[in-house]
Amino acid sequence: DSSIELQAMRAQGAGGQNVNKVSSAIHLKFNIHASNLPFRYKQGLLKRQDSRITDEGILVLKAQNHRTQEANKRDAIER
């Protein structure tokens, strides 16, 4: 989907040496305007007072709860 952009990065916090060596965290950027969501859902998201939604209509999520990049990717997309 062209409205979703995923970027791997190093996780923060506890996790031992794995945190320092592996880019396991995921930044997900979801372009609300470019998505295939129905108009009323887009409007509902854009009206929310949520710090994760930028002025440009991009929803930004960071997933780093899991030790693997794949698990964090699934977590971000499910959210």
N, C-alpha and C. Protein backbone atom coordinates (compact mmCIF):
# COMPACT_ATOMS: atom_id res chain seq x y z
N ASP A 1 0.85 -1.18 0.00
CA ASP A 1 0.00 0.00 0.00
C ASP A 1 0.89 1.24 0.00
N SER A 2 0.70 2.14 -0.94
CA SER A 2 1.55 3.32 -1.06
C SER A 2 1.30 4.35 0.03
N SER A 3 0.24 4.19 0.81
CA SER A 3 -0.03 5.15 1.88
C SER A 3 0.71 4.78 3.17
N ILE A 4 1.41 3.62 3.17
CA ILE A 4 2.16 3.18 4.35
C ILE A 4 3.64 3.15 4.04
N GLU A 5 4.43 3.74 4.93
CA GLU A 5 5.89 3.73 4.81
C GLU A 5 6.45 3.13 6.10
N LEU A 6 7.33 2.14 5.96
CA LEU A 6 7.95 1.50 7.12
C LEU A 6 9.44 1.80 7.12
N GLN A 7 9.98 2.09 8.30
CA GLN A 7 11.41 2.38 8.43
C GLN A 7 11.93 1.66 9.67
N ALA A 8 13.01 0.89 9.51
CA ALA A 8 13.63 0.20 10.63
C ALA A 8 14.59 1.13 11.35
N MET A 9 14.65 0.99 12.67
CA MET A 9 15.57 1.79 13.47
C MET A 9 15.92 1.01 14.73
N ARG A 10 16.93 1.46 15.44
CA ARG A 10 17.31 0.80 16.68
C ARG A 10 16.28 1.11 17.77
N ALA A 11 15.94 0.09 18.52
CA ALA A 11 15.01 0.26 19.64
C ALA A 11 15.70 0.98 20.78
N GLN A 12 14.90 1.57 21.65
CA GLN A 12 15.43 2.24 22.84
C GLN A 12 15.09 1.42 24.07
N GLY A 13 15.79 1.68 25.14
CA GLY A 13 15.46 1.04 26.41
C GLY A 13 16.20 -0.25 26.64
N ALA A 14 15.73 -1.01 27.62
CA ALA A 14 16.38 -2.26 28.01
C ALA A 14 16.26 -3.29 26.91
N GLY A 15 17.20 -4.20 26.88
CA GLY A 15 17.16 -5.26 25.88
C GLY A 15 18.51 -5.88 25.66
N GLY A 16 19.49 -5.47 26.44
CA GLY A 16 20.81 -6.06 26.32
C GLY A 16 21.52 -5.62 25.05
N GLN A 17 22.46 -6.44 24.62
CA GLN A 17 23.27 -6.11 23.45
C GLN A 17 22.45 -6.07 22.17
N ASN A 18 21.34 -6.79 22.11
CA ASN A 18 20.51 -6.81 20.91
C ASN A 18 20.07 -5.40 20.52
N VAL A 19 19.76 -4.56 21.49
CA VAL A 19 19.30 -3.20 21.23
C VAL A 19 20.38 -2.39 20.52
N ASN A 20 21.64 -2.61 20.89
CA ASN A 20 22.74 -1.84 20.32
C ASN A 20 23.15 -2.30 18.93
N LYS A 21 22.85 -3.53 18.57
CA LYS A 21 23.34 -4.09 17.31
C LYS A 21 22.30 -4.20 16.21
N VAL A 22 21.04 -4.29 16.57
CA VAL A 22 20.01 -4.66 15.60
C VAL A 22 18.96 -3.55 15.47
N SER A 23 18.59 -3.24 14.25
CA SER A 23 17.51 -2.27 14.00
C SER A 23 16.18 -3.01 14.06
N SER A 24 15.67 -3.20 15.27
CA SER A 24 14.46 -4.00 15.42
C SER A 24 13.20 -3.17 15.58
N ALA A 25 13.33 -1.89 15.92
CA ALA A 25 12.14 -1.04 16.05
C ALA A 25 11.65 -0.62 14.67
N ILE A 26 10.37 -0.33 14.58
CA ILE A 26 9.76 0.08 13.31
C ILE A 26 9.04 1.40 13.49
N HIS A 27 9.29 2.31 12.57
CA HIS A 27 8.52 3.55 12.46
C HIS A 27 7.55 3.34 11.31
N LEU A 28 6.27 3.44 11.56
CA LEU A 28 5.26 3.33 10.52
C LEU A 28 4.67 4.72 10.29
N LYS A 29 4.64 5.11 9.03
CA LYS A 29 4.00 6.38 8.66
C LYS A 29 2.85 6.06 7.71
N PHE A 30 1.66 6.50 8.10
CA PHE A 30 0.45 6.23 7.32
C PHE A 30 -0.12 7.55 6.84
N ASN A 31 -0.13 7.74 5.53
CA ASN A 31 -0.65 8.97 4.93
C ASN A 31 -2.17 8.85 4.82
N ILE A 32 -2.85 9.53 5.71
CA ILE A 32 -4.32 9.44 5.76
C ILE A 32 -4.94 9.94 4.46
N HIS A 33 -4.42 11.05 3.92
CA HIS A 33 -4.98 11.63 2.69
C HIS A 33 -4.83 10.68 1.49
N ALA A 34 -3.71 9.97 1.40
CA ALA A 34 -3.43 9.10 0.26
C ALA A 34 -4.02 7.70 0.42
N SER A 35 -4.62 7.41 1.56
CA SER A 35 -5.13 6.07 1.82
C SER A 35 -6.42 5.80 1.06
N ASN A 36 -6.80 4.52 1.04
CA ASN A 36 -8.05 4.10 0.40
C ASN A 36 -9.22 4.08 1.37
N LEU A 37 -9.05 4.68 2.54
CA LEU A 37 -10.14 4.73 3.51
C LEU A 37 -11.30 5.56 2.97
N PRO A 38 -12.53 5.21 3.34
CA PRO A 38 -13.67 6.06 2.97
C PRO A 38 -13.50 7.46 3.56
N PHE A 39 -14.06 8.45 2.87
CA PHE A 39 -13.89 9.85 3.25
C PHE A 39 -14.26 10.11 4.71
N ARG A 40 -15.36 9.52 5.18
CA ARG A 40 -15.80 9.79 6.55
C ARG A 40 -14.80 9.28 7.58
N TYR A 41 -14.10 8.17 7.29
CA TYR A 41 -13.08 7.67 8.21
C TYR A 41 -11.85 8.58 8.20
N LYS A 42 -11.49 9.05 7.01
CA LYS A 42 -10.36 9.99 6.91
C LYS A 42 -10.65 11.24 7.74
N GLN A 43 -11.85 11.79 7.57
CA GLN A 43 -12.23 12.99 8.31
C GLN A 43 -12.21 12.74 9.81
N GLY A 44 -12.69 11.58 10.23
CA GLY A 44 -12.68 11.24 11.65
C GLY A 44 -11.28 11.18 12.22
N LEU A 45 -10.35 10.58 11.47
CA LEU A 45 -8.96 10.52 11.93
C LEU A 45 -8.33 11.90 11.99
N LEU A 46 -8.57 12.70 10.95
CA LEU A 46 -7.94 14.01 10.87
C LEU A 46 -8.47 14.98 11.93
N LYS A 47 -9.68 14.77 12.41
CA LYS A 47 -10.26 15.65 13.43
C LYS A 47 -9.76 15.33 14.83
N ARG A 48 -9.16 14.16 15.00
CA ARG A 48 -8.69 13.76 16.33
C ARG A 48 -7.56 14.65 16.81
N GLN A 49 -7.57 14.94 18.09
CA GLN A 49 -6.48 15.67 18.72
C GLN A 49 -5.48 14.64 19.22
N ASP A 50 -4.67 14.13 18.32
CA ASP A 50 -3.72 13.06 18.64
C ASP A 50 -2.33 13.50 18.22
N SER A 51 -1.39 13.45 19.14
CA SER A 51 -0.03 13.91 18.84
C SER A 51 0.67 13.03 17.80
N ARG A 52 0.12 11.85 17.52
CA ARG A 52 0.73 10.97 16.52
C ARG A 52 0.33 11.34 15.09
N ILE A 53 -0.62 12.26 14.93
CA ILE A 53 -1.04 12.70 13.60
C ILE A 53 -0.46 14.08 13.34
N THR A 54 0.35 14.19 12.27
CA THR A 54 1.00 15.46 11.96
C THR A 54 0.01 16.42 11.29
N ASP A 55 0.42 17.68 11.17
CA ASP A 55 -0.41 18.68 10.48
C ASP A 55 -0.64 18.32 9.02
N GLU A 56 0.26 17.51 8.45
CA GLU A 56 0.13 17.09 7.05
C GLU A 56 -0.77 15.86 6.88
N GLY A 57 -1.30 15.34 7.98
CA GLY A 57 -2.19 14.19 7.91
C GLY A 57 -1.47 12.86 7.88
N ILE A 58 -0.28 12.80 8.48
CA ILE A 58 0.50 11.57 8.54
C ILE A 58 0.40 11.01 9.96
N LEU A 59 -0.06 9.78 10.08
CA LEU A 59 -0.10 9.09 11.37
C LEU A 59 1.25 8.40 11.55
N VAL A 60 1.95 8.68 12.64
CA VAL A 60 3.28 8.12 12.89
C VAL A 60 3.21 7.23 14.14
N LEU A 61 3.58 5.96 13.97
CA LEU A 61 3.62 5.01 15.07
C LEU A 61 5.01 4.43 15.20
N LYS A 62 5.45 4.18 16.43
CA LYS A 62 6.72 3.51 16.67
C LYS A 62 6.43 2.22 17.41
N ALA A 63 6.89 1.10 16.87
CA ALA A 63 6.70 -0.20 17.50
C ALA A 63 8.06 -0.74 17.89
N GLN A 64 8.25 -1.02 19.19
CA GLN A 64 9.53 -1.55 19.66
C GLN A 64 9.35 -2.50 20.84
N ASN A 65 8.16 -3.05 20.98
CA ASN A 65 7.89 -3.93 22.12
C ASN A 65 8.48 -5.32 21.97
N HIS A 66 8.78 -5.73 20.73
CA HIS A 66 9.27 -7.08 20.47
C HIS A 66 10.76 -7.06 20.12
N ARG A 67 11.40 -8.20 20.23
CA ARG A 67 12.84 -8.29 19.96
C ARG A 67 13.15 -8.37 18.47
N THR A 68 12.18 -8.75 17.65
CA THR A 68 12.46 -8.89 16.22
C THR A 68 11.77 -7.80 15.42
N GLN A 69 12.41 -7.46 14.32
CA GLN A 69 11.86 -6.44 13.43
C GLN A 69 10.52 -6.90 12.85
N GLU A 70 10.43 -8.16 12.49
CA GLU A 70 9.20 -8.69 11.89
C GLU A 70 8.03 -8.60 12.86
N ALA A 71 8.25 -8.93 14.12
CA ALA A 71 7.18 -8.85 15.12
C ALA A 71 6.77 -7.40 15.35
N ASN A 72 7.73 -6.49 15.36
CA ASN A 72 7.40 -5.07 15.53
C ASN A 72 6.66 -4.54 14.31
N LYS A 73 7.00 -5.03 13.13
CA LYS A 73 6.31 -4.61 11.91
C LYS A 73 4.84 -5.04 11.96
N ARG A 74 4.60 -6.30 12.36
CA ARG A 74 3.22 -6.79 12.49
C ARG A 74 2.46 -5.96 13.53
N ASP A 75 3.11 -5.68 14.64
CA ASP A 75 2.48 -4.90 15.71
C ASP A 75 2.08 -3.51 15.21
N ALA A 76 2.97 -2.85 14.49
CA ALA A 76 2.68 -1.50 13.98
C ALA A 76 1.51 -1.52 12.99
N ILE A 77 1.51 -2.49 12.10
CA ILE A 77 0.44 -2.57 11.09
C ILE A 77 -0.90 -2.90 11.73
N GLU A 78 -0.90 -3.78 12.74
CA GLU A 78 -2.14 -4.13 13.43
C GLU A 78 -2.73 -2.93 14.16
N ARG A 79 -1.86 -2.08 14.69
CA ARG A 79 -2.36 -0.89 15.40
C ARG A 79 -3.00 0.06 14.43
